[in-house]
Amino acid sequence: MQLAAPARRFTGTRDADGMAVASFVLGLVGLLVMNIVLGPVAVVLAGLALRRGTARRGRALLGLALGIADLAVLAVLVVGDGMVVWSPVG
């Protein structure tokens, strides 16, 4: 009796490409809302995508830059207002 081999998870470039795109989108959205959450997630996804050898290297690097920008905006807001919340109307 032959047992079937266990299913393998696919972690190739397709997954890495998806992570690169998700990093870019989350970093972009994080500039406007929830930068305290979306910034670090964008940075982590970009790092994973780059480590796994994504074909969308530019998109991953943009996601990394936007995630860092999210954290920089958060730091400026916390230092300036003493609060994490901001409003575009002042």
Protein backbone atom coordinates (compact mmCIF):
# COMPACT_ATOMS: atom_id res chain seq x y z
CA MET A 1 0.00 0.00 0.00
CA GLN A 2 1.46 3.32 -1.13
CA LEU A 3 0.77 6.46 0.90
CA ALA A 4 0.28 9.74 -0.92
CA ALA A 5 2.89 12.42 -0.41
CA PRO A 6 1.78 15.35 1.74
CA ALA A 7 0.64 18.45 -0.08
CA ARG A 8 3.37 21.06 -0.44
CA ARG A 9 2.80 24.74 0.01
CA PHE A 10 3.61 26.83 -3.03
CA THR A 11 5.91 29.65 -1.99
CA GLY A 12 7.39 30.55 -5.34
CA THR A 13 7.63 33.84 -7.14
CA ARG A 14 3.87 34.05 -7.57
CA ASP A 15 3.40 34.40 -3.82
CA ALA A 16 6.29 36.84 -3.64
CA ASP A 17 4.77 38.94 -6.44
CA GLY A 18 1.48 39.07 -4.54
CA MET A 19 3.32 40.18 -1.41
CA ALA A 20 5.08 42.94 -3.36
CA VAL A 21 1.79 44.28 -4.71
CA ALA A 22 0.10 44.02 -1.30
CA SER A 23 3.00 45.87 0.28
CA PHE A 24 2.69 48.69 -2.24
CA VAL A 25 -1.09 48.99 -1.79
CA LEU A 26 -0.94 48.85 2.01
CA GLY A 27 1.86 51.40 2.13
CA LEU A 28 -0.09 53.75 -0.13
CA VAL A 29 -3.32 53.42 1.84
CA GLY A 30 -1.36 53.70 5.09
CA LEU A 31 -0.36 57.26 4.23
CA LEU A 32 -4.01 58.24 4.63
CA VAL A 33 -5.46 55.91 7.26
CA MET A 34 -4.23 53.53 9.96
CA ASN A 35 -0.52 54.14 9.38
CA ILE A 36 0.26 52.64 12.79
CA VAL A 37 -0.87 49.22 11.48
CA LEU A 38 -0.45 49.37 7.72
CA GLY A 39 3.08 50.83 7.75
CA PRO A 40 4.74 47.94 9.58
CA VAL A 41 2.72 45.38 7.61
CA ALA A 42 3.87 46.97 4.33
CA VAL A 43 7.50 46.88 5.50
CA VAL A 44 7.30 43.21 6.49
CA LEU A 45 5.56 42.15 3.27
CA ALA A 46 8.10 44.05 1.16
CA GLY A 47 10.97 42.41 3.02
CA LEU A 48 9.49 38.95 2.53
CA ALA A 49 8.84 39.59 -1.15
CA LEU A 50 12.40 40.78 -1.70
CA ARG A 51 13.83 37.84 0.21
CA ARG A 52 11.78 35.35 -1.85
CA GLY A 53 12.99 36.88 -5.10
CA THR A 54 9.94 38.62 -6.49
CA ALA A 55 9.78 39.53 -10.16
CA ARG A 56 8.19 42.83 -9.08
CA ARG A 57 11.23 44.14 -7.28
CA GLY A 58 10.37 47.79 -8.00
CA ARG A 59 6.90 47.39 -6.55
CA ALA A 60 8.34 45.76 -3.42
CA LEU A 61 10.85 48.58 -3.01
CA LEU A 62 8.07 51.16 -3.39
CA GLY A 63 6.04 49.28 -0.77
CA LEU A 64 9.06 49.32 1.54
CA ALA A 65 9.56 53.06 1.01
CA LEU A 66 5.86 53.80 1.54
CA GLY A 67 5.78 51.67 4.70
CA ILE A 68 8.75 53.60 6.08
CA ALA A 69 7.04 56.86 5.06
CA ASP A 70 3.93 55.72 6.98
CA LEU A 71 6.04 55.30 10.09
CA ALA A 72 7.74 58.66 9.53
CA VAL A 73 4.36 60.40 9.20
CA LEU A 74 3.24 58.68 12.38
CA ALA A 75 6.38 59.85 14.21
CA VAL A 76 5.92 63.45 13.03
CA LEU A 77 2.28 63.45 14.11
CA VAL A 78 3.07 62.01 17.53
CA VAL A 79 5.87 64.53 18.11
CA GLY A 80 3.85 67.46 16.74
CA ASP A 81 0.47 66.83 18.38
CA GLY A 82 1.28 64.32 21.07
CA MET A 83 -1.49 62.14 19.59
CA VAL A 84 -1.67 59.36 17.02
CA VAL A 85 -4.91 60.69 15.48
CA TRP A 86 -4.88 63.27 12.70
CA SER A 87 -7.43 65.01 10.58
CA PRO A 88 -6.95 66.69 7.21
CA VAL A 89 -9.25 69.58 8.19
CA GLY A 90 -7.14 70.63 11.13
